[in-house]
Amino acid sequence: MNKNSKIVIIAIVVIALIALAVIGFNSKTNSGVNASSTKVAFINNGTTWFHFDAVIENMTLKNGTVQNYYVQGYMKPGGNVTMDLSSLAGYGNQALPAGTTIRLMAWKGLFNQTIKTNTSDLNLLMQGWSKYLNPTSNDTQYNVTVQNLPVNQLPTNITNNTLIISTDPSTIQESNGTNESAMEPVFEEEVFTVDANGKVTMTYITPATLCNIVA
């Protein structure tokens, strides 16, 4: 093999390695949320599956219109889901403007594939942030803990962490059109506020409260 052939082969290998590196980078950043947007993560620190139905009420979009969003989330023990608030509001990869407030009403409950115990403890962590793909140590974590909640049968179609967001209210109802309130006994309402640096703080309007009625 002559010198020129070796140079060509080395060049091909280098190009291939660069291409693989780019593909690897894109696979990490293109995971359903934008790197610089404003996000909220929900992390299940409990020992059973955690489920919530939620309403993002009267979100003001970038184009000036107002929209309700209906959210359904399932998280396995130790699992998490992330909601991209900037994307929902039409800001894409930008952090939400300073002073933006997001009002969230949520109904929460515990589930498992096989019910081995009648009750368990809800242990949820929430964390909001902007400008990075992942939160930093400066982003406040908010923990919600409720003890001795009933454990319900997990739907057979749920096998992994799942987040569904829609403008259709039926998203947070069972397929037969009835509420899941009997299986989601915890109600909570909070407001997320974004400051000029993209930092997200959360204020409880209604702390975690036992309630079986979905409004």
Protein backbone atom coordinates (compact mmCIF):
# COMPACT_ATOMS: atom_id res chain seq x y z
CA MET A 1 0.00 0.00 0.00
CA ASN A 2 1.51 3.36 -1.05
CA LYS A 3 1.66 6.48 1.06
CA ASN A 4 -1.25 8.22 -0.75
CA SER A 5 -3.55 5.23 -0.15
CA LYS A 6 -2.77 5.27 3.57
CA ILE A 7 -3.58 8.99 3.74
CA VAL A 8 -6.94 8.41 2.00
CA ILE A 9 -7.85 5.57 4.40
CA ILE A 10 -6.90 7.66 7.44
CA ALA A 11 -9.01 10.55 6.15
CA ILE A 12 -12.02 8.24 5.65
CA VAL A 13 -11.67 6.90 9.21
CA VAL A 14 -11.46 10.42 10.66
CA ILE A 15 -14.57 11.53 8.75
CA ALA A 16 -16.45 8.44 9.95
CA LEU A 17 -15.49 9.11 13.57
CA ILE A 18 -16.64 12.73 13.31
CA ALA A 19 -19.96 11.60 11.80
CA LEU A 20 -20.50 9.12 14.64
CA ALA A 21 -19.73 11.80 17.21
CA VAL A 22 -22.29 14.15 15.64
CA ILE A 23 -24.92 11.39 15.57
CA GLY A 24 -24.21 10.57 19.21
CA PHE A 25 -24.54 14.23 20.23
CA ASN A 26 -27.84 14.62 18.39
CA SER A 27 -29.27 11.48 19.99
CA LYS A 28 -28.65 12.93 23.45
CA THR A 29 -30.05 16.39 22.79
CA ASN A 30 -33.00 15.44 20.57
CA SER A 31 -35.00 13.69 23.31
CA GLY A 32 -38.38 15.45 23.11
CA VAL A 33 -37.31 18.62 24.90
CA ASN A 34 -35.23 21.56 23.69
CA ALA A 35 -31.86 22.32 25.25
CA SER A 36 -32.49 26.01 26.03
CA SER A 37 -36.23 25.97 26.65
CA THR A 38 -38.10 26.27 29.96
CA LYS A 39 -38.96 22.83 31.30
CA VAL A 40 -40.50 21.11 34.32
CA ALA A 41 -39.52 17.58 35.34
CA PHE A 42 -41.64 15.23 37.44
CA ILE A 43 -39.64 12.52 39.23
CA ASN A 44 -41.18 9.55 41.03
CA ASN A 45 -39.17 8.77 44.16
CA GLY A 46 -41.79 6.31 45.42
CA THR A 47 -41.80 2.51 45.35
CA THR A 48 -44.93 2.19 43.15
CA TRP A 49 -45.93 3.65 39.80
CA PHE A 50 -47.10 7.27 40.00
CA HIS A 51 -49.87 8.69 37.82
CA PHE A 52 -51.20 12.22 37.41
CA ASP A 53 -53.86 13.99 35.40
CA ALA A 54 -53.31 17.72 35.08
CA VAL A 55 -54.69 20.86 33.51
CA ILE A 56 -52.44 23.74 32.47
CA GLU A 57 -55.02 26.48 32.74
CA ASN A 58 -55.14 29.56 30.49
CA MET A 59 -51.58 29.42 29.18
CA THR A 60 -50.80 32.56 27.18
CA LEU A 61 -49.07 31.56 23.96
CA LYS A 62 -46.45 33.54 22.04
CA ASN A 63 -49.05 34.59 19.46
CA GLY A 64 -51.20 36.14 22.20
CA THR A 65 -53.92 33.48 22.32
CA VAL A 66 -54.85 31.55 25.47
CA GLN A 67 -54.94 27.75 25.59
CA ASN A 68 -55.71 25.01 28.11
CA TYR A 69 -53.60 21.85 27.97
CA TYR A 70 -54.59 18.49 29.40
CA VAL A 71 -51.78 16.26 30.62
CA GLN A 72 -51.57 12.61 31.61
CA GLY A 73 -48.37 11.16 33.02
CA TYR A 74 -47.19 7.76 34.26
CA MET A 75 -43.84 7.20 35.96
CA LYS A 76 -42.34 3.93 37.11
CA PRO A 77 -40.51 3.83 40.47
CA GLY A 78 -37.45 6.03 40.01
CA GLY A 79 -38.75 7.22 36.64
CA ASN A 80 -39.37 10.72 35.36
CA VAL A 81 -41.03 12.72 32.59
CA THR A 82 -40.21 16.24 31.40
CA MET A 83 -42.69 18.81 30.13
CA ASP A 84 -41.33 21.41 27.68
CA LEU A 85 -43.28 24.55 28.61
CA SER A 86 -41.61 26.72 25.95
CA SER A 87 -42.68 24.34 23.21
CA LEU A 88 -46.28 24.34 24.48
CA ALA A 89 -46.33 28.13 24.52
CA GLY A 90 -44.86 28.45 21.02
CA TYR A 91 -41.39 29.68 22.00
CA GLY A 92 -39.50 26.66 20.68
CA ASN A 93 -35.94 26.56 21.99
CA GLN A 94 -36.20 29.89 23.82
CA ALA A 95 -36.71 30.27 27.56
CA LEU A 96 -40.10 31.68 28.47
CA PRO A 97 -40.19 35.48 28.93
CA ALA A 98 -39.53 36.95 32.37
CA GLY A 99 -42.69 37.13 34.44
CA THR A 100 -44.40 34.20 32.70
CA THR A 101 -46.67 32.22 35.03
CA ILE A 102 -47.96 28.70 34.40
CA ARG A 103 -50.93 27.51 36.47
CA LEU A 104 -51.16 23.74 36.94
CA MET A 105 -53.97 21.78 38.58
CA ALA A 106 -53.18 18.09 39.12
CA TRP A 107 -54.80 14.94 40.47
CA LYS A 108 -52.40 12.24 41.61
CA GLY A 109 -52.53 8.54 42.48
CA LEU A 110 -50.48 5.36 42.85
CA PHE A 111 -50.55 2.30 40.59
CA ASN A 112 -48.76 -1.02 40.06
CA GLN A 113 -48.77 -3.89 37.57
CA THR A 114 -49.51 -6.29 40.41
CA ILE A 115 -51.09 -4.99 43.60
CA LYS A 116 -49.10 -6.57 46.43
CA THR A 117 -50.10 -4.03 49.05
CA ASN A 118 -53.25 -1.99 49.60
CA THR A 119 -51.43 1.27 50.37
CA SER A 120 -48.13 3.00 49.71
CA ASP A 121 -46.56 6.46 49.98
CA LEU A 122 -46.55 9.10 47.24
CA ASN A 123 -43.14 10.73 46.88
CA LEU A 124 -42.92 13.13 43.95
CA LEU A 125 -40.18 15.62 43.14
CA MET A 126 -40.76 18.56 40.77
CA GLN A 127 -38.05 20.79 39.31
CA GLY A 128 -38.19 23.58 36.73
CA TRP A 129 -35.35 25.20 34.80
CA SER A 130 -34.31 26.96 31.56
CA LYS A 131 -31.34 27.39 29.22
CA TYR A 132 -29.86 23.92 29.72
CA LEU A 133 -30.82 20.39 28.73
CA ASN A 134 -30.67 19.28 32.37
CA PRO A 135 -31.26 21.19 35.63
CA THR A 136 -28.33 22.52 37.63
CA SER A 137 -27.67 22.46 41.38
CA ASN A 138 -29.11 26.01 41.55
CA ASP A 139 -32.56 24.90 40.34
CA THR A 140 -34.88 24.40 43.28
CA GLN A 141 -36.46 20.99 43.85
CA TYR A 142 -39.98 20.75 45.28
CA ASN A 143 -41.05 17.55 47.01
CA VAL A 144 -44.63 16.31 47.51
CA THR A 145 -45.13 13.48 49.99
CA VAL A 146 -48.43 11.88 51.00
CA GLN A 147 -48.53 8.69 53.06
CA ASN A 148 -50.82 5.67 52.99
CA LEU A 149 -52.53 6.13 49.64
CA PRO A 150 -54.44 3.31 47.92
CA VAL A 151 -52.57 1.44 45.17
CA ASN A 152 -54.56 0.78 41.98
CA GLN A 153 -54.12 -1.58 39.04
CA LEU A 154 -51.84 -0.13 36.35
CA PRO A 155 -53.38 -0.15 32.84
CA THR A 156 -51.93 -2.99 30.76
CA ASN A 157 -50.92 -0.62 27.94
CA ILE A 158 -48.58 1.35 30.23
CA THR A 159 -45.14 -0.27 30.29
CA ASN A 160 -42.80 2.73 30.56
CA ASN A 161 -42.64 6.36 31.63
CA THR A 162 -45.36 8.10 29.62
CA LEU A 163 -46.38 11.73 29.08
CA ILE A 164 -49.40 12.70 26.98
CA ILE A 165 -50.28 16.38 26.35
CA SER A 166 -53.35 17.47 24.41
CA THR A 167 -55.88 20.27 23.98
CA ASP A 168 -58.65 17.66 24.35
CA PRO A 169 -60.14 17.37 27.87
CA SER A 170 -60.80 13.66 27.33
CA THR A 171 -57.04 13.14 27.64
CA ILE A 172 -57.43 13.12 31.41
CA GLN A 173 -60.42 10.78 31.43
CA GLU A 174 -60.74 7.04 31.17
CA SER A 175 -61.71 5.54 27.83
CA ASN A 176 -65.30 5.09 29.05
CA GLY A 177 -65.54 8.84 29.61
CA THR A 178 -65.61 8.83 33.40
CA ASN A 179 -63.20 10.50 35.77
CA GLU A 180 -60.37 8.65 37.42
CA SER A 181 -60.87 10.68 40.60
CA ALA A 182 -61.46 7.61 42.80
CA MET A 183 -57.98 6.39 41.82
CA GLU A 184 -56.38 9.86 42.10
CA PRO A 185 -57.24 10.99 45.63
CA VAL A 186 -54.63 13.76 45.85
CA PHE A 187 -55.36 17.19 44.41
CA GLU A 188 -52.74 19.92 44.11
CA GLU A 189 -52.52 23.32 42.44
CA GLU A 190 -49.35 25.29 41.84
CA VAL A 191 -48.03 28.20 39.81
CA PHE A 192 -44.64 28.10 38.08
CA THR A 193 -43.01 31.52 37.58
CA VAL A 194 -40.08 32.29 35.27
CA ASP A 195 -37.68 35.15 36.08
CA ALA A 196 -35.36 37.18 33.83
CA ASN A 197 -32.61 34.55 34.16
CA GLY A 198 -34.92 31.71 33.20
CA LYS A 199 -35.04 30.40 36.78
CA VAL A 200 -38.30 28.63 37.63
CA THR A 201 -39.91 28.94 41.04
CA MET A 202 -43.05 27.17 42.21
CA THR A 203 -45.76 28.49 44.53
CA TYR A 204 -48.39 26.19 46.02
CA ILE A 205 -51.91 27.55 45.59
CA THR A 206 -53.39 24.37 47.04
CA PRO A 207 -50.89 22.01 48.73
CA ALA A 208 -51.37 18.26 48.29
CA THR A 209 -54.90 17.62 49.57
CA LEU A 210 -56.99 14.46 49.73
CA CYS A 211 -59.92 14.97 47.41
CA ASN A 212 -61.90 12.59 45.18
CA ILE A 213 -63.62 15.18 42.98
CA VAL A 214 -62.20 16.30 39.64
CA ALA A 215 -63.65 19.68 38.67
